[in-house]
Amino acid sequence: MARKWLGIALTGILASSLAACGGNNEGNASPSASSAPSGTGAASSSPAASPAASQAEPVKLNFWTPDRGATDHIKAEIARYNETNKDNIQVEVNIMAENYDQQLDIAFASNQAPDIVRVNGLPSLSVFVKKGYLAPLDDLLTPDMKERFGSLLREGVNQIGGKTYTLPNYGTTQRLIYNVELFEKAGIKEPPKTLQEMIDVAKKLTAAGKADGAYGIAGNLKSTGSGLRFADPIGMLSGMGSSGYDYKKGAFDFAQLKPIIEAYRQMKLDGSFIPGVEQLDIDPLRAQFAEGKIGMYVSTASEPLVYKNQFPAKIKWASALPPTIDGQQRGIVPVGNAGIFIGLSPKSEHKEEAWKFIEWMYSDEVLKSYQEDGVGLSVVPSVIAKAGKPEINGIDGFMPTKFDAIIPPVPIIAIEGMGYQEALIKYILVGGDLDAVIKDLNARYNAALDKAKASGEVKAEPMPDFDLSQLQGTLAK
């Protein structure tokens, strides 16, 4: 039977090819003129190089990343570092292809490993550490870095076995995106606060827009990997666990999601979903929303840039915190892709110079540029306090609030059979016995969890005192 992989959100878009990339063997140049740390900031704080050193070949570092969506920004930052650092360091960035992890495998196996590695997801962090692709950073962190990032360090997020391998930069907040014009046409003054209100609003939006081909609700339900993207924002703001995992029990319990799945099933029965939703991927959904054919859906902070460039919106739209089961905000909305950024390769022949570059990349000045250029929204409190908003229509509603937070990881396990997203989407679309579906999911997921715990692959202990509301205010007040 097919093996499905469970985990929390992965980073998204990957790019160009390994053919364009060289390893760190290309950079076997003479050492940097200065052995003192460069510090953080726009330029190195080291003394100017001596005349003899300034004539030496620069130390060349190789930085690999799959962040195709941030290509222009990353190249601009690298160029700025290369022009301003006083340590005779030159960084070459390689934007990788879709099989980034596999290309790293090849590079490390053939002694062509990069010096700086982008960690492209929580599953990748544990895998990269296990394979020896990342070096611990704890002994390198300055007191300033420990102060700025200390509250964001989490086991399984940026730490493995108590050691820190990467630090946070930005993440993607999640919101209910809604068609303001269709809401006004239907006489609805504000987005829904409860699941029942969501059902009622979807029905009213459909009644108001159906003659023009507009419907109340949509989701990218074709995708068995992200089609259930609405469940965690709604469930976790209600105080539940993530991806069916109950942190208090240290086990999976998909009954947590039952009221959310039932609400979406009801909207399907009401005819509130846009026709063909079962074949809808996220980009076709966005195209329909931009044309005014969808009333609301749940998605990420990627949407403002999409409606600026990819599918220019022909309507007035806005975003709001997702509804909760009963209107009470007992938890938080998880910030996707947060807690991770770049790390140091233990195979680097220029670790001192590589760390100088990494330290510079983690400076507030550089990190705030990621937000101000619209690459992502910062999750670092010191950066949030000083970074400006990107000049993108609609981004205001996605800025971090006290209800946004980095969440503890969900155990990454291998299960047999249909994954939970596929099983629950199937119920939304065609119905059936939801209790039986949940019972089957609980049995299979917990069996896989027990197996992974027994083998030592994961640690998942009950946290009886865990309370998601305690994470409120950890990113913004």
Protein backbone atom coordinates (compact mmCIF):
# COMPACT_ATOMS: atom_id res chain seq x y z
CA MET A 1 0.00 0.00 0.00
CA ALA A 2 1.16 3.48 -0.66
CA ARG A 3 3.11 5.13 2.10
CA LYS A 4 1.96 8.59 3.09
CA TRP A 5 4.01 11.07 5.01
CA LEU A 6 2.62 13.33 7.69
CA GLY A 7 4.21 16.52 8.89
CA ILE A 8 3.51 20.17 9.34
CA ALA A 9 3.81 22.70 6.62
CA LEU A 10 6.71 22.45 4.23
CA THR A 11 8.32 25.29 2.42
CA GLY A 12 6.94 25.81 -0.98
CA ILE A 13 8.51 26.63 -4.30
CA LEU A 14 11.76 25.17 -5.70
CA ALA A 15 13.81 26.20 -8.70
CA SER A 16 16.66 25.96 -11.29
CA SER A 17 19.11 23.05 -11.61
CA LEU A 18 22.10 21.33 -10.04
CA ALA A 19 24.02 21.83 -13.24
CA ALA A 20 24.38 25.49 -12.36
CA CYS A 21 25.88 24.67 -8.97
CA GLY A 22 29.44 24.10 -7.86
CA GLY A 23 30.57 22.71 -4.53
CA ASN A 24 32.74 24.24 -1.90
CA ASN A 25 35.79 22.70 -3.56
CA GLU A 26 35.66 25.60 -5.98
CA GLY A 27 36.40 27.96 -3.13
CA ASN A 28 39.67 26.59 -1.73
CA ALA A 29 41.18 30.04 -1.53
CA SER A 30 43.46 31.60 1.04
CA PRO A 31 41.95 32.37 4.44
CA SER A 32 40.14 35.59 5.24
CA ALA A 33 42.35 38.51 6.16
CA SER A 34 40.57 38.88 9.49
CA SER A 35 39.78 36.11 11.94
CA ALA A 36 37.54 38.33 14.05
CA PRO A 37 33.77 37.86 13.71
CA SER A 38 32.15 40.28 11.32
CA GLY A 39 29.19 40.86 13.60
CA THR A 40 25.69 41.55 12.38
CA GLY A 41 24.67 44.46 10.28
CA ALA A 42 24.84 45.81 6.77
CA ALA A 43 28.60 45.46 6.58
CA SER A 44 31.30 43.59 8.43
CA SER A 45 32.57 45.19 11.60
CA SER A 46 36.03 43.65 11.16
CA PRO A 47 39.07 45.85 10.59
CA ALA A 48 40.02 46.53 7.00
CA ALA A 49 42.15 43.88 5.40
CA SER A 50 45.90 44.40 5.13
CA PRO A 51 47.30 45.32 1.69
CA ALA A 52 48.74 41.83 1.24
CA ALA A 53 45.49 40.12 2.24
CA SER A 54 43.39 42.43 0.09
CA GLN A 55 45.27 41.16 -2.95
CA ALA A 56 44.63 37.52 -2.05
CA GLU A 57 42.02 35.42 -3.76
CA PRO A 58 38.69 35.79 -1.94
CA VAL A 59 37.25 32.96 0.09
CA LYS A 60 34.37 31.61 -1.99
CA LEU A 61 31.31 30.23 -0.23
CA ASN A 62 28.47 28.34 -1.84
CA PHE A 63 24.90 28.87 -0.60
CA TRP A 64 22.13 26.55 -1.79
CA THR A 65 18.44 27.35 -1.50
CA PRO A 66 15.20 26.19 -3.16
CA ASP A 67 13.51 29.58 -2.63
CA ARG A 68 12.73 30.36 -6.27
CA GLY A 69 10.01 32.79 -5.26
CA ALA A 70 12.61 34.95 -3.52
CA THR A 71 15.27 34.76 -6.24
CA ASP A 72 15.56 38.50 -6.93
CA HIS A 73 15.64 39.37 -3.25
CA ILE A 74 18.25 36.75 -2.35
CA LYS A 75 20.53 37.71 -5.23
CA ALA A 76 20.32 41.38 -4.23
CA GLU A 77 21.23 40.59 -0.61
CA ILE A 78 24.14 38.38 -1.67
CA ALA A 79 25.42 41.11 -3.99
CA ARG A 80 25.22 43.61 -1.14
CA TYR A 81 27.19 41.31 1.16
CA ASN A 82 29.83 40.62 -1.47
CA GLU A 83 30.29 44.35 -2.06
CA THR A 84 30.38 45.45 1.58
CA ASN A 85 32.01 42.74 3.70
CA LYS A 86 35.62 43.42 4.70
CA ASP A 87 36.59 39.80 5.20
CA ASN A 88 37.47 39.02 1.58
CA ILE A 89 34.46 36.69 1.28
CA GLN A 90 32.45 36.11 -1.87
CA VAL A 91 29.20 34.13 -1.69
CA GLU A 92 27.76 32.34 -4.69
CA VAL A 93 24.07 31.49 -4.43
CA ASN A 94 22.52 28.60 -6.31
CA ILE A 95 18.73 28.48 -6.66
CA MET A 96 18.03 24.79 -6.88
CA ALA A 97 15.57 22.64 -8.81
CA GLU A 98 12.53 20.77 -7.55
CA ASN A 99 14.56 17.83 -6.26
CA TYR A 100 16.52 20.00 -3.83
CA ASP A 101 16.84 17.34 -1.12
CA GLN A 102 18.03 14.72 -3.61
CA GLN A 103 20.59 17.12 -5.07
CA LEU A 104 21.91 17.76 -1.58
CA ASP A 105 22.29 13.99 -1.15
CA ILE A 106 24.38 13.84 -4.31
CA ALA A 107 26.44 16.88 -3.35
CA PHE A 108 27.33 15.61 0.13
CA ALA A 109 28.08 12.12 -1.18
CA SER A 110 30.45 13.51 -3.83
CA ASN A 111 32.24 16.09 -1.66
CA GLN A 112 30.55 18.95 -3.50
CA ALA A 113 28.47 20.10 -0.54
CA PRO A 114 27.56 23.77 -0.17
CA ASP A 115 28.85 25.78 2.78
CA ILE A 116 25.45 27.23 3.68
CA VAL A 117 22.26 25.15 3.45
CA ARG A 118 18.67 26.37 3.32
CA VAL A 119 16.49 24.21 5.57
CA ASN A 120 13.34 23.82 3.49
CA GLY A 121 10.90 22.27 5.94
CA LEU A 122 10.59 20.62 9.33
CA PRO A 123 10.87 17.08 7.94
CA SER A 124 14.02 18.22 6.16
CA LEU A 125 15.51 19.53 9.41
CA SER A 126 15.43 16.16 11.14
CA VAL A 127 16.54 14.37 7.97
CA PHE A 128 19.36 16.84 7.31
CA VAL A 129 20.62 16.53 10.89
CA LYS A 130 20.47 12.74 10.77
CA LYS A 131 22.40 12.71 7.48
CA GLY A 132 25.03 15.11 8.80
CA TYR A 133 24.16 18.04 6.56
CA LEU A 134 23.92 20.62 9.36
CA ALA A 135 26.32 21.61 12.13
CA PRO A 136 25.11 22.72 15.59
CA LEU A 137 25.15 26.49 16.01
CA ASP A 138 24.94 26.76 19.80
CA ASP A 139 28.62 27.54 20.40
CA LEU A 140 28.55 30.16 17.63
CA LEU A 141 25.50 32.13 18.71
CA THR A 142 26.34 35.55 20.12
CA PRO A 143 24.59 36.85 23.26
CA ASP A 144 22.63 39.23 21.02
CA MET A 145 21.41 36.36 18.84
CA LYS A 146 20.44 34.29 21.87
CA GLU A 147 18.38 37.21 23.15
CA ARG A 148 16.66 37.91 19.81
CA PHE A 149 15.89 34.30 18.91
CA GLY A 150 15.70 32.59 22.31
CA SER A 151 11.90 32.70 22.65
CA LEU A 152 11.52 31.08 19.21
CA LEU A 153 13.71 28.02 19.74
CA ARG A 154 11.69 24.80 19.77
CA GLU A 155 12.67 21.15 19.87
CA GLY A 156 11.75 19.61 16.53
CA VAL A 157 11.36 23.04 14.91
CA ASN A 158 14.89 24.44 14.89
CA GLN A 159 16.47 22.19 17.50
CA ILE A 160 17.14 18.46 17.48
CA GLY A 161 18.25 16.71 20.66
CA GLY A 162 18.58 20.06 22.40
CA LYS A 163 21.03 21.41 19.81
CA THR A 164 20.21 24.39 17.57
CA TYR A 165 20.73 23.88 13.83
CA THR A 166 18.89 26.83 12.30
CA LEU A 167 17.04 29.98 13.37
CA PRO A 168 13.77 31.61 12.29
CA ASN A 169 13.29 34.26 9.63
CA TYR A 170 9.81 34.57 8.18
CA GLY A 171 6.64 32.55 7.90
CA THR A 172 3.21 32.60 6.35
CA THR A 173 0.23 33.60 8.43
CA GLN A 174 -3.15 32.11 7.55
CA ARG A 175 -6.44 33.91 7.15
CA LEU A 176 -9.96 33.74 5.79
CA ILE A 177 -9.84 35.58 2.45
CA TYR A 178 -13.16 37.06 1.39
CA ASN A 179 -14.77 38.88 -1.53
CA VAL A 180 -15.82 42.24 -0.07
CA GLU A 181 -18.03 43.09 -3.05
CA LEU A 182 -19.97 39.83 -2.86
CA PHE A 183 -20.35 40.24 0.90
CA GLU A 184 -21.81 43.71 0.35
CA LYS A 185 -24.13 42.43 -2.36
CA ALA A 186 -25.41 39.75 0.04
CA GLY A 187 -25.87 42.31 2.82
CA ILE A 188 -23.21 40.73 5.04
CA LYS A 189 -21.31 43.27 7.10
CA GLU A 190 -18.45 41.16 8.48
CA PRO A 191 -16.78 37.79 7.97
CA PRO A 192 -18.07 34.81 9.99
CA LYS A 193 -16.86 34.28 13.54
CA THR A 194 -18.23 30.73 14.07
CA LEU A 195 -18.61 27.62 11.93
CA GLN A 196 -22.39 28.01 11.92
CA GLU A 197 -22.02 31.60 10.74
CA MET A 198 -19.67 30.34 8.03
CA ILE A 199 -22.33 27.88 6.83
CA ASP A 200 -24.99 30.60 6.84
CA VAL A 201 -22.77 33.19 5.13
CA ALA A 202 -21.74 30.74 2.41
CA LYS A 203 -25.41 30.07 1.67
CA LYS A 204 -26.24 33.80 1.50
CA LEU A 205 -23.27 34.56 -0.73
CA THR A 206 -24.31 31.81 -3.12
CA ALA A 207 -27.87 33.12 -3.25
CA ALA A 208 -26.61 36.63 -4.01
CA GLY A 209 -24.02 35.62 -6.60
CA LYS A 210 -25.24 32.47 -8.30
CA ALA A 211 -26.88 34.32 -11.20
CA ASP A 212 -23.44 35.74 -12.02
CA GLY A 213 -21.67 32.42 -11.51
CA ALA A 214 -20.40 33.28 -8.02
CA TYR A 215 -20.56 30.88 -5.07
CA GLY A 216 -20.02 31.20 -1.35
CA ILE A 217 -17.02 29.02 -0.60
CA ALA A 218 -14.14 27.15 -2.20
CA GLY A 219 -11.13 25.03 -1.35
CA ASN A 220 -8.40 23.36 -3.38
CA LEU A 221 -9.97 19.99 -2.68
CA LYS A 222 -8.22 18.26 -5.57
CA SER A 223 -5.03 18.31 -3.52
CA THR A 224 -4.64 15.48 -1.03
CA GLY A 225 -1.60 17.25 0.40
CA SER A 226 -2.95 20.74 1.10
CA GLY A 227 -6.67 20.59 0.33
CA LEU A 228 -7.49 20.55 4.04
CA ARG A 229 -5.57 23.79 4.60
CA PHE A 230 -8.58 25.31 6.37
CA ALA A 231 -8.65 22.71 9.16
CA ASP A 232 -5.65 23.76 11.25
CA PRO A 233 -6.30 27.53 11.20
CA ILE A 234 -9.91 26.98 12.32
CA GLY A 235 -9.14 24.12 14.70
CA MET A 236 -6.05 25.55 16.35
CA LEU A 237 -7.63 28.98 16.89
CA SER A 238 -10.40 27.00 18.61
CA GLY A 239 -7.76 25.45 20.90
CA MET A 240 -7.19 22.08 19.19
CA GLY A 241 -4.01 20.32 18.11
CA SER A 242 -2.43 20.29 14.66
CA SER A 243 -3.05 17.80 11.86
CA GLY A 244 -5.18 15.63 14.11
CA TYR A 245 -2.44 15.36 16.75
CA ASP A 246 -3.47 15.95 20.36
CA TYR A 247 -0.53 17.48 22.22
CA LYS A 248 -2.10 16.76 25.61
CA LYS A 249 -2.51 13.04 24.87
CA GLY A 250 0.66 12.64 22.82
CA ALA A 251 -1.45 10.76 20.28
CA PHE A 252 -3.57 11.32 17.19
CA ASP A 253 -7.26 11.99 17.68
CA PHE A 254 -8.99 13.12 14.51
CA ALA A 255 -12.26 13.54 16.39
CA GLN A 256 -10.95 17.06 17.09
CA LEU A 257 -11.60 17.91 13.44
CA LYS A 258 -15.12 16.47 13.35
CA PRO A 259 -17.09 19.74 13.73
CA ILE A 260 -14.98 21.42 11.03
CA ILE A 261 -15.35 18.55 8.58
CA GLU A 262 -19.09 18.36 9.26
CA ALA A 263 -19.44 22.10 8.59
CA TYR A 264 -17.67 21.79 5.24
CA ARG A 265 -19.81 18.76 4.37
CA GLN A 266 -22.91 20.82 5.14
CA MET A 267 -21.74 23.61 2.84
CA LYS A 268 -21.27 21.00 0.10
CA LEU A 269 -24.81 19.71 0.66
CA ASP A 270 -26.14 23.29 0.63
CA GLY A 271 -24.64 23.88 -2.82
CA SER A 272 -22.44 26.66 -1.46
CA PHE A 273 -19.22 25.31 -2.97
CA ILE A 274 -18.21 26.49 -6.42
CA PRO A 275 -19.03 23.72 -8.94
CA GLY A 276 -16.11 21.44 -9.76
CA VAL A 277 -14.43 22.02 -6.40
CA GLU A 278 -13.36 18.37 -6.35
CA GLN A 279 -11.04 19.12 -9.30
CA LEU A 280 -9.84 22.50 -8.04
CA ASP A 281 -6.14 23.15 -7.44
CA ILE A 282 -5.01 26.29 -5.65
CA ASP A 283 -4.07 28.34 -8.72
CA PRO A 284 -7.37 27.75 -10.57
CA LEU A 285 -9.12 28.64 -7.30
CA ARG A 286 -7.17 31.88 -7.12
CA ALA A 287 -8.00 32.69 -10.73
CA GLN A 288 -11.71 32.24 -9.99
CA PHE A 289 -11.49 34.37 -6.84
CA ALA A 290 -9.70 37.15 -8.73
CA GLU A 291 -12.65 37.20 -11.16
CA GLY A 292 -15.14 37.52 -8.30
CA LYS A 293 -16.56 33.99 -8.57
CA ILE A 294 -15.76 32.87 -5.01
CA GLY A 295 -17.00 34.38 -1.76
CA MET A 296 -14.39 33.12 0.71
CA TYR A 297 -11.70 30.54 1.37
CA VAL A 298 -8.86 29.94 3.82
CA SER A 299 -5.25 30.35 2.70
CA THR A 300 -1.89 31.92 3.46
CA ALA A 301 -0.01 35.21 3.28
CA SER A 302 1.05 34.25 -0.24
CA GLU A 303 -2.27 35.53 -1.57
CA PRO A 304 -1.63 39.31 -1.63
CA LEU A 305 1.35 38.89 -3.95
CA VAL A 306 -0.65 36.44 -6.08
CA TYR A 307 -3.45 38.99 -6.53
CA LYS A 308 -0.93 41.68 -7.35
CA ASN A 309 1.11 39.80 -9.96
CA GLN A 310 -0.10 36.34 -10.90
CA PHE A 311 -3.86 36.87 -10.96
CA PRO A 312 -4.55 40.62 -10.66
CA ALA A 313 -7.74 40.91 -8.62
CA LYS A 314 -10.70 42.52 -10.38
CA ILE A 315 -12.59 42.81 -7.10
CA LYS A 316 -12.16 44.39 -3.70
CA TRP A 317 -11.08 41.73 -1.24
CA ALA A 318 -9.88 41.51 2.35
CA SER A 319 -8.81 38.99 4.98
CA ALA A 320 -9.66 38.22 8.58
CA LEU A 321 -8.82 35.70 11.27
CA PRO A 322 -10.55 32.42 10.50
CA PRO A 323 -13.73 31.51 12.35
CA THR A 324 -13.63 29.17 15.32
CA ILE A 325 -16.01 26.38 16.24
CA ASP A 326 -17.99 28.48 18.72
CA GLY A 327 -16.58 32.00 18.34
CA GLN A 328 -14.11 31.64 21.21
CA GLN A 329 -10.41 32.14 20.37
CA ARG A 330 -8.86 29.65 22.79
CA GLY A 331 -5.71 29.04 20.75
CA ILE A 332 -3.64 30.47 17.93
CA VAL A 333 -3.36 30.36 14.15
CA PRO A 334 -0.22 28.42 13.18
CA VAL A 335 2.39 30.29 11.17
CA GLY A 336 3.50 28.07 8.30
CA ASN A 337 7.13 27.55 7.29
CA ALA A 338 8.32 29.41 10.39
CA GLY A 339 11.17 28.62 12.75
CA ILE A 340 13.71 27.67 10.08
CA PHE A 341 15.98 29.40 7.59
CA ILE A 342 19.65 28.64 6.91
CA GLY A 343 22.32 26.52 8.54
CA LEU A 344 26.03 25.70 8.41
CA SER A 345 27.36 22.65 6.61
CA PRO A 346 29.76 20.59 8.73
CA LYS A 347 31.59 19.74 5.47
CA SER A 348 32.45 23.38 4.78
CA GLU A 349 36.18 24.02 4.50
CA HIS A 350 35.56 27.64 5.48
CA LYS A 351 33.34 27.38 8.55
CA GLU A 352 34.58 30.63 10.11
CA GLU A 353 33.80 32.63 6.98
CA ALA A 354 30.53 30.80 6.42
CA TRP A 355 29.42 31.68 9.95
CA LYS A 356 30.26 35.35 9.34
CA PHE A 357 27.91 35.31 6.37
CA ILE A 358 25.20 33.42 8.30
CA GLU A 359 25.48 35.87 11.20
CA TRP A 360 25.05 38.76 8.74
CA MET A 361 22.01 37.07 7.16
CA TYR A 362 20.43 36.79 10.62
CA SER A 363 20.90 40.48 11.42
CA ASP A 364 17.72 42.48 11.97
CA GLU A 365 18.60 44.69 9.01
CA VAL A 366 18.72 41.79 6.57
CA LEU A 367 15.76 39.94 8.07
CA LYS A 368 13.51 42.98 7.90
CA SER A 369 14.27 43.31 4.20
CA TYR A 370 12.56 39.95 3.64
CA GLN A 371 9.35 41.42 5.01
CA GLU A 372 9.65 44.84 3.41
CA ASP A 373 10.31 43.28 0.00
CA GLY A 374 7.26 41.04 0.34
CA VAL A 375 9.12 37.72 0.54
CA GLY A 376 7.47 36.74 3.82
CA LEU A 377 6.28 38.10 7.13
CA SER A 378 8.85 38.12 9.91
CA VAL A 379 8.34 35.95 12.98
CA VAL A 380 11.27 37.47 14.90
CA PRO A 381 9.97 39.93 17.54
CA SER A 382 12.91 42.34 17.22
CA VAL A 383 12.35 42.47 13.46
CA ILE A 384 8.57 42.77 13.70
CA ALA A 385 9.05 45.82 15.91
CA LYS A 386 11.06 47.72 13.30
CA ALA A 387 10.21 46.30 9.87
CA GLY A 388 7.88 48.22 7.59
CA LYS A 389 4.91 46.65 5.84
CA PRO A 390 5.37 45.43 2.27
CA GLU A 391 3.77 47.72 -0.28
CA ILE A 392 1.28 45.09 -1.41
CA ASN A 393 -2.48 45.55 -1.41
CA GLY A 394 -4.19 43.30 1.11
CA ILE A 395 -1.11 42.50 3.19
CA ASP A 396 -2.35 44.39 6.26
CA GLY A 397 -4.74 41.62 7.24
CA PHE A 398 -1.91 39.08 7.21
CA MET A 399 0.46 40.95 9.50
CA PRO A 400 1.20 38.91 12.66
CA THR A 401 -1.14 39.46 15.60
CA LYS A 402 -1.19 38.05 19.11
CA PHE A 403 -3.15 35.11 17.69
CA ASP A 404 -0.32 33.98 15.37
CA ALA A 405 2.39 31.66 16.68
CA ILE A 406 4.96 29.03 15.84
CA ILE A 407 3.58 25.69 16.97
CA PRO A 408 5.24 22.59 18.42
CA PRO A 409 5.98 19.98 15.76
CA VAL A 410 3.70 17.09 14.97
CA PRO A 411 5.51 13.72 14.91
CA ILE A 412 6.60 12.80 11.40
CA ILE A 413 5.53 9.23 10.75
CA ALA A 414 5.02 6.85 7.85
CA ILE A 415 1.52 5.40 7.61
CA GLU A 416 -0.03 2.70 5.48
CA GLY A 417 -3.02 3.57 3.33
CA MET A 418 -4.94 6.76 2.71
CA GLY A 419 -3.71 9.89 4.47
CA TYR A 420 -6.00 11.90 6.71
CA GLN A 421 -6.41 14.81 4.30
CA GLU A 422 -7.50 12.55 1.46
CA ALA A 423 -9.88 10.58 3.70
CA LEU A 424 -11.55 13.67 5.16
CA ILE A 425 -11.79 15.48 1.82
CA LYS A 426 -13.49 12.38 0.43
CA TYR A 427 -16.08 12.61 3.19
CA ILE A 428 -16.70 16.31 2.51
CA LEU A 429 -17.31 15.58 -1.17
CA VAL A 430 -19.30 12.33 -1.08
CA GLY A 431 -20.34 11.76 2.53
CA GLY A 432 -20.30 8.47 4.41
CA ASP A 433 -19.76 7.46 8.02
CA LEU A 434 -17.48 10.13 9.51
CA ASP A 435 -17.16 8.33 12.85
CA ALA A 436 -15.90 5.23 11.04
CA VAL A 437 -13.44 7.31 9.02
CA ILE A 438 -12.10 8.91 12.21
CA LYS A 439 -11.82 5.54 13.97
CA ASP A 440 -9.81 4.13 11.07
CA LEU A 441 -7.51 7.17 10.93
CA ASN A 442 -6.88 7.06 14.68
CA ALA A 443 -6.02 3.37 14.54
CA ARG A 444 -3.62 3.65 11.61
CA TYR A 445 -1.92 6.86 12.68
CA ASN A 446 -1.41 5.79 16.28
CA ALA A 447 -0.10 2.38 15.19
CA ALA A 448 2.46 4.16 13.00
CA LEU A 449 3.28 6.53 15.86
CA ASP A 450 3.82 3.65 18.29
CA LYS A 451 6.09 1.95 15.76
CA ALA A 452 8.13 5.12 15.24
CA LYS A 453 8.45 5.65 19.01
CA ALA A 454 9.53 2.05 19.56
CA SER A 455 12.26 2.39 16.93
CA GLY A 456 13.47 5.66 18.43
CA GLU A 457 12.66 7.64 15.28
CA VAL A 458 10.37 10.06 17.11
CA LYS A 459 9.63 11.21 20.63
CA ALA A 460 6.02 11.99 21.40
CA GLU A 461 5.18 12.25 25.06
CA PRO A 462 1.85 13.49 26.46
CA MET A 463 1.83 17.13 27.56
CA PRO A 464 -1.20 17.19 29.90
CA ASP A 465 -0.70 20.86 30.80
CA PHE A 466 -0.27 22.05 27.22
CA ASP A 467 -2.44 25.07 26.42
CA LEU A 468 -2.34 26.75 23.01
CA SER A 469 -3.57 30.00 24.51
CA GLN A 470 -0.19 30.30 26.23
CA LEU A 471 1.35 30.88 22.79
CA GLN A 472 -0.77 33.97 22.23
CA GLY A 473 1.38 37.09 22.08
CA THR A 474 4.67 35.27 21.43
CA LEU A 475 5.15 36.94 18.02
CA ALA A 476 3.16 40.16 18.34
CA LYS A 477 1.10 41.86 21.00
